[in-house]
Amino acid sequence: MNRVKTAVIPVAGLGTRLLPASKAIPKEMVPVVDKPVIQYVVEEAIAAGINRIVLVTRSGKEAIENHFDRHFELESELARKGKTTLLRRITDTVPAGVELLSIRQPKAAGLGDAIRCAAAAIGDEPFAVMLPDVLVHTRLDAGWNMKHMINRFEKTQTAQILVERVPGNLVNQYGIVDCGHRLMNVGVSARIFDMVEKPSRAEAPSDLAIVGRYILPPLVLKLLKSTGLGAGGEIQLTDAMSELLERSPMEALMMRGRTYDCGNKTGYMQANIALSLEDADIGLEMRQFLASMIRKAAAEGLDFQRTEVA
């Protein structure tokens, strides 16, 4: 059986949607509560049983590698002060038995190109692709969705794509899959008949949007070798996946939880609010603060439906 052991996380993007915050700091390093976004994604992979993480990076992104490296001076100081809980949190970012590699992408030339750069590290094995902008939040088990995708792939050897339902007026912002109007519940996989990139509402075959989590067979790497430039003048993974769909079945798995697109300001702020409300250390204070803000806004007659502020 071909087992999924490797996850590719492309982190070479410029992060223009988060400027100016991402001018000097990699967008993957902006914090959600007290951890950078990239750490949530790595933890999700590890929780799903993946033991090899391949970061496809570029010049100027060294802070990501440094974050997952040891900081002996800081660790010694925390140990000296007896701050064992905090010490454990900074030393367990990559647990024992998990390998983390960095591979340079000379030029940000699309997701497909990033995966091509990682081909030697992947080898002739199935692999996961996890987009670092997308924070997939489930309260009980960070790896729940990836576990189900991996288990389904290892049972059927069929490529898996994680999907969620989106409002009809937002389908033009996503890749949309056609599962033949199959009724899908959480954790259920359904065959994909077609994929459409950012269709209009009238042309969308469904409301099932691709989330940014994939389990793919090694055949995709062979297809990417001959994949030409696509949208935006870049090498697109979706083009190789469309060709894969012509050769073999693919399935969509309905996700559990909620996604936050931390690559844009709205999604990033939503993630901070949502996760801070659940945080063991600051959750109560944040809930009290948010309740007071809502009461204050209501007392001042603020209309939350208005897009402008007087």
Protein backbone atom coordinates (compact mmCIF):
# COMPACT_ATOMS: atom_id res chain seq x y z
CA MET A 1 0.00 0.00 0.00
CA ASN A 2 1.24 3.49 -0.88
CA ARG A 3 1.17 5.49 2.36
CA VAL A 4 1.07 9.27 2.62
CA LYS A 5 4.06 10.42 4.66
CA THR A 6 5.02 13.75 3.08
CA ALA A 7 3.30 17.14 3.03
CA VAL A 8 4.40 19.97 0.74
CA ILE A 9 3.74 23.48 2.06
CA PRO A 10 4.52 26.26 -0.46
CA VAL A 11 5.74 29.38 1.39
CA ALA A 12 7.51 31.30 -1.38
CA GLY A 13 4.69 33.74 -2.13
CA LEU A 14 5.11 37.50 -1.79
CA GLY A 15 2.09 38.02 0.48
CA THR A 16 0.86 41.13 -1.32
CA ARG A 17 -2.64 40.83 0.15
CA LEU A 18 -1.23 41.50 3.63
CA LEU A 19 0.98 44.47 2.75
CA PRO A 20 2.42 46.45 4.42
CA ALA A 21 2.58 43.91 7.28
CA SER A 22 4.25 41.34 5.02
CA LYS A 23 6.89 43.70 3.61
CA ALA A 24 9.61 42.57 6.02
CA ILE A 25 7.88 39.63 7.73
CA PRO A 26 6.84 36.53 5.76
CA LYS A 27 3.05 36.38 5.57
CA GLU A 28 3.26 32.85 7.00
CA MET A 29 4.83 34.28 10.16
CA VAL A 30 2.07 36.74 11.09
CA PRO A 31 0.64 35.52 14.41
CA VAL A 32 -2.84 34.22 15.06
CA VAL A 33 -3.18 34.74 18.82
CA ASP A 34 0.32 33.58 19.86
CA LYS A 35 1.50 31.31 17.03
CA PRO A 36 2.41 32.11 13.43
CA VAL A 37 -0.02 30.83 10.81
CA ILE A 38 2.53 28.37 9.43
CA GLN A 39 2.76 26.61 12.79
CA TYR A 40 -0.96 25.83 12.75
CA VAL A 41 -0.56 24.23 9.31
CA VAL A 42 2.48 22.18 10.35
CA GLU A 43 0.66 21.03 13.50
CA GLU A 44 -2.32 20.01 11.36
CA ALA A 45 -0.06 17.85 9.18
CA ILE A 46 1.65 16.24 12.17
CA ALA A 47 -1.70 15.56 13.88
CA ALA A 48 -2.76 13.68 10.74
CA GLY A 49 0.25 11.36 10.99
CA ILE A 50 2.51 13.00 8.40
CA ASN A 51 6.16 12.78 9.43
CA ARG A 52 7.88 14.68 6.62
CA ILE A 53 7.23 18.37 5.98
CA VAL A 54 8.69 20.01 2.85
CA LEU A 55 8.67 23.81 2.87
CA VAL A 56 9.09 25.30 -0.60
CA THR A 57 10.61 28.65 0.22
CA ARG A 58 12.72 31.49 -1.20
CA SER A 59 15.20 34.16 -0.24
CA GLY A 60 13.87 36.45 2.49
CA LYS A 61 11.82 33.73 4.18
CA GLU A 62 14.53 32.57 6.62
CA ALA A 63 12.33 33.55 9.57
CA ILE A 64 10.13 30.52 8.86
CA GLU A 65 13.05 28.11 9.10
CA ASN A 66 14.34 29.91 12.19
CA HIS A 67 10.97 29.52 13.88
CA PHE A 68 11.15 25.74 13.62
CA ASP A 69 14.83 25.63 14.62
CA ARG A 70 16.20 25.55 18.19
CA HIS A 71 16.98 28.78 20.05
CA PHE A 72 19.39 27.63 22.73
CA GLU A 73 19.92 31.02 24.40
CA LEU A 74 16.17 31.56 24.80
CA GLU A 75 15.64 27.97 25.94
CA SER A 76 18.38 28.29 28.57
CA GLU A 77 16.87 31.50 29.90
CA LEU A 78 13.37 30.01 30.13
CA ALA A 79 14.79 26.92 31.88
CA ARG A 80 16.71 29.10 34.34
CA LYS A 81 13.53 30.99 35.22
CA GLY A 82 11.53 27.78 35.59
CA LYS A 83 9.12 28.63 32.78
CA THR A 84 8.73 24.99 31.79
CA THR A 85 5.35 25.31 30.02
CA LEU A 86 6.58 28.08 27.75
CA LEU A 87 9.85 26.21 27.20
CA ARG A 88 7.95 23.14 26.07
CA ARG A 89 5.85 25.22 23.66
CA ILE A 90 8.90 26.58 21.81
CA THR A 91 10.85 23.31 21.72
CA ASP A 92 7.95 21.09 20.52
CA THR A 93 7.24 22.96 17.27
CA VAL A 94 8.68 19.95 15.40
CA PRO A 95 8.35 16.80 17.52
CA ALA A 96 10.91 14.01 17.51
CA GLY A 97 10.42 11.70 14.53
CA VAL A 98 9.20 14.49 12.23
CA GLU A 99 11.55 15.69 9.48
CA LEU A 100 11.28 19.27 8.22
CA LEU A 101 13.02 20.20 4.96
CA SER A 102 13.39 23.48 3.11
CA ILE A 103 13.72 23.68 -0.67
CA ARG A 104 14.25 26.92 -2.57
CA GLN A 105 11.94 28.03 -5.36
CA PRO A 106 14.06 30.43 -7.46
CA LYS A 107 11.02 32.39 -8.63
CA ALA A 108 7.42 32.42 -7.44
CA ALA A 109 5.97 30.89 -10.60
CA GLY A 110 2.79 29.25 -9.35
CA LEU A 111 1.72 26.40 -7.08
CA GLY A 112 2.49 23.83 -9.75
CA ASP A 113 6.05 25.11 -10.03
CA ALA A 114 6.46 24.98 -6.23
CA ILE A 115 5.48 21.31 -6.23
CA ARG A 116 7.85 20.63 -9.13
CA CYS A 117 10.64 22.09 -6.99
CA ALA A 118 9.79 19.56 -4.27
CA ALA A 119 9.66 16.55 -6.62
CA ALA A 120 13.06 15.14 -5.61
CA ALA A 121 12.09 15.26 -1.93
CA ILE A 122 8.72 13.63 -2.59
CA GLY A 123 10.04 10.78 -4.71
CA ASP A 124 7.70 8.22 -6.24
CA GLU A 125 5.15 8.40 -3.42
CA PRO A 126 1.75 9.99 -2.82
CA PHE A 127 1.87 13.29 -0.97
CA ALA A 128 -0.19 16.04 0.61
CA VAL A 129 -0.29 19.68 -0.45
CA MET A 130 -1.29 22.18 2.23
CA LEU A 131 -1.64 25.87 1.46
CA PRO A 132 -0.27 27.97 4.33
CA ASP A 133 -2.73 30.86 3.88
CA VAL A 134 -5.65 28.62 4.83
CA LEU A 135 -6.12 27.93 8.52
CA VAL A 136 -8.46 24.96 8.91
CA HIS A 137 -9.88 25.14 12.42
CA THR A 138 -11.51 22.20 14.18
CA ARG A 139 -11.94 22.40 17.93
CA LEU A 140 -11.21 18.79 18.88
CA ASP A 141 -8.66 17.40 16.43
CA ALA A 142 -6.46 19.60 14.23
CA GLY A 143 -5.72 16.70 11.90
CA TRP A 144 -9.27 15.38 11.54
CA ASN A 145 -9.80 16.39 7.91
CA MET A 146 -6.34 15.35 6.72
CA LYS A 147 -6.65 12.00 8.52
CA HIS A 148 -9.88 11.26 6.69
CA MET A 149 -8.38 12.28 3.35
CA ILE A 150 -5.30 10.14 3.94
CA ASN A 151 -7.32 7.13 5.09
CA ARG A 152 -9.59 7.41 2.07
CA PHE A 153 -6.63 7.69 -0.31
CA GLU A 154 -4.83 4.73 1.24
CA LYS A 155 -8.00 2.66 0.89
CA THR A 156 -8.84 3.63 -2.70
CA GLN A 157 -5.60 5.16 -4.13
CA THR A 158 -7.85 7.96 -5.40
CA ALA A 159 -6.74 11.60 -5.21
CA GLN A 160 -8.57 13.58 -2.52
CA ILE A 161 -9.48 17.29 -2.40
CA LEU A 162 -10.93 18.95 0.69
CA VAL A 163 -14.01 21.09 0.01
CA GLU A 164 -16.45 23.31 1.87
CA ARG A 165 -19.72 24.97 0.93
CA VAL A 166 -19.57 28.68 0.15
CA PRO A 167 -22.33 31.24 -0.51
CA GLY A 168 -23.40 31.46 -4.14
CA ASN A 169 -22.21 35.03 -4.47
CA LEU A 170 -18.66 33.96 -3.55
CA VAL A 171 -18.14 31.03 -5.95
CA ASN A 172 -16.20 33.31 -8.30
CA GLN A 173 -13.44 33.52 -5.71
CA TYR A 174 -12.71 29.77 -5.56
CA GLY A 175 -12.04 26.64 -7.51
CA ILE A 176 -15.40 24.82 -7.61
CA VAL A 177 -15.93 21.07 -8.03
CA ASP A 178 -18.77 19.24 -9.71
CA CYS A 179 -19.78 16.11 -7.79
CA GLY A 180 -22.93 15.44 -9.79
CA HIS A 181 -25.28 17.04 -7.23
CA ARG A 182 -24.30 14.38 -4.68
CA LEU A 183 -25.59 15.16 -1.20
CA MET A 184 -22.47 15.38 0.96
CA ASN A 185 -22.16 15.32 4.72
CA VAL A 186 -19.07 16.01 6.83
CA GLY A 187 -16.38 13.37 6.29
CA VAL A 188 -18.04 11.97 3.16
CA SER A 189 -16.13 11.61 -0.13
CA ALA A 190 -17.77 11.92 -3.54
CA ARG A 191 -16.42 11.50 -7.05
CA ILE A 192 -15.41 14.68 -8.88
CA PHE A 193 -16.62 14.99 -12.45
CA ASP A 194 -15.24 18.43 -13.20
CA MET A 195 -13.37 21.38 -11.68
CA VAL A 196 -13.97 25.00 -12.64
CA GLU A 197 -11.65 27.80 -11.57
CA LYS A 198 -13.50 30.88 -10.25
CA PRO A 199 -16.73 30.47 -12.25
CA SER A 200 -19.53 33.01 -12.34
CA ARG A 201 -22.53 32.21 -10.17
CA ALA A 202 -24.50 31.17 -13.25
CA GLU A 203 -21.73 28.86 -14.51
CA ALA A 204 -20.80 27.27 -11.17
CA PRO A 205 -21.68 23.55 -11.12
CA SER A 206 -22.05 23.59 -7.31
CA ASP A 207 -21.23 25.54 -4.17
CA LEU A 208 -18.39 23.18 -3.20
CA ALA A 209 -15.15 25.16 -3.01
CA ILE A 210 -11.64 23.72 -2.91
CA VAL A 211 -10.15 24.51 0.50
CA GLY A 212 -6.40 24.16 -0.07
CA ARG A 213 -5.76 20.62 1.16
CA TYR A 214 -4.94 17.86 -1.33
CA ILE A 215 -3.78 14.23 -1.29
CA LEU A 216 -2.24 13.45 -4.66
CA PRO A 217 -0.65 10.44 -6.36
CA PRO A 218 2.92 10.62 -7.72
CA LEU A 219 1.49 10.73 -11.26
CA VAL A 220 0.82 14.44 -10.66
CA LEU A 221 4.57 15.06 -10.55
CA LYS A 222 4.97 13.48 -13.99
CA LEU A 223 2.10 15.57 -15.36
CA LEU A 224 3.61 18.76 -13.95
CA LYS A 225 6.79 18.15 -15.93
CA SER A 226 4.90 18.94 -19.12
CA THR A 227 2.41 21.45 -17.70
CA GLY A 228 2.80 24.78 -19.46
CA LEU A 229 2.05 28.27 -18.26
CA GLY A 230 -1.54 28.82 -17.22
CA ALA A 231 -3.49 31.55 -15.48
CA GLY A 232 -1.38 34.52 -14.52
CA GLY A 233 1.51 33.26 -16.62
CA GLU A 234 2.30 30.68 -13.93
CA ILE A 235 2.40 26.89 -13.70
CA GLN A 236 -0.87 25.95 -12.06
CA LEU A 237 -1.53 22.81 -10.06
CA THR A 238 -5.16 22.90 -11.20
CA ASP A 239 -4.03 22.36 -14.81
CA ALA A 240 -2.17 19.19 -13.85
CA MET A 241 -5.12 18.06 -11.74
CA SER A 242 -7.50 18.57 -14.67
CA GLU A 243 -5.28 16.28 -16.72
CA LEU A 244 -5.19 13.80 -13.83
CA LEU A 245 -8.99 13.82 -13.76
CA GLU A 246 -9.02 12.69 -17.40
CA ARG A 247 -6.84 9.69 -16.52
CA SER A 248 -8.08 8.55 -13.12
CA PRO A 249 -10.86 9.21 -10.58
CA MET A 250 -10.63 12.02 -8.04
CA GLU A 251 -12.76 12.61 -4.96
CA ALA A 252 -13.87 15.59 -2.88
CA LEU A 253 -14.14 15.22 0.89
CA MET A 254 -16.50 17.48 2.82
CA MET A 255 -14.56 19.17 5.60
CA ARG A 256 -15.30 19.51 9.29
CA GLY A 257 -14.76 22.87 10.99
CA ARG A 258 -14.19 26.26 9.46
CA THR A 259 -11.55 27.82 7.26
CA TYR A 260 -9.96 31.25 7.61
CA ASP A 261 -8.06 32.75 4.70
CA CYS A 262 -5.21 34.35 6.62
CA GLY A 263 -3.75 35.65 3.38
CA ASN A 264 -6.18 38.56 3.44
CA LYS A 265 -6.95 41.07 6.16
CA THR A 266 -10.56 40.04 6.75
CA GLY A 267 -9.83 36.32 7.11
CA TYR A 268 -6.77 37.04 9.24
CA MET A 269 -8.72 39.21 11.69
CA GLN A 270 -11.57 36.69 11.80
CA ALA A 271 -9.09 33.93 12.71
CA ASN A 272 -7.60 36.00 15.52
CA ILE A 273 -11.02 36.79 16.97
CA ALA A 274 -12.34 33.23 16.70
CA LEU A 275 -9.27 31.50 18.12
CA SER A 276 -8.70 34.08 20.86
CA LEU A 277 -12.24 33.48 22.14
CA GLU A 278 -11.36 29.79 22.59
CA ASP A 279 -7.88 30.33 24.04
CA ALA A 280 -7.41 28.87 27.53
CA ASP A 281 -5.39 31.85 28.76
CA ILE A 282 -7.22 34.83 27.28
CA GLY A 283 -10.56 33.44 26.10
CA LEU A 284 -12.64 34.70 29.03
CA GLU A 285 -11.18 38.21 28.86
CA MET A 286 -11.69 38.32 25.10
CA ARG A 287 -15.32 37.21 25.39
CA GLN A 288 -15.94 39.87 28.01
CA PHE A 289 -14.22 42.50 25.87
CA LEU A 290 -16.17 41.55 22.74
CA ALA A 291 -19.46 41.57 24.67
CA SER A 292 -18.68 45.05 25.99
CA MET A 293 -17.84 46.28 22.49
CA ILE A 294 -21.15 44.94 21.15
CA ARG A 295 -23.10 46.57 23.98
CA LYS A 296 -21.28 49.86 23.42
CA ALA A 297 -21.92 49.76 19.68
CA ALA A 298 -25.59 48.99 20.22
CA ALA A 299 -25.90 51.86 22.69
CA GLU A 300 -24.35 54.22 20.14
CA GLY A 301 -26.71 52.99 17.43
CA LEU A 302 -23.99 51.51 15.24
CA ASP A 303 -25.46 49.63 12.28
CA PHE A 304 -23.29 46.55 11.67
CA GLN A 305 -24.75 46.14 8.20
CA ARG A 306 -23.31 49.44 6.98
CA THR A 307 -19.99 49.25 5.18
CA GLU A 308 -18.94 52.82 6.03
CA VAL A 309 -18.21 54.31 9.43
CA ALA A 310 -19.44 57.83 10.15
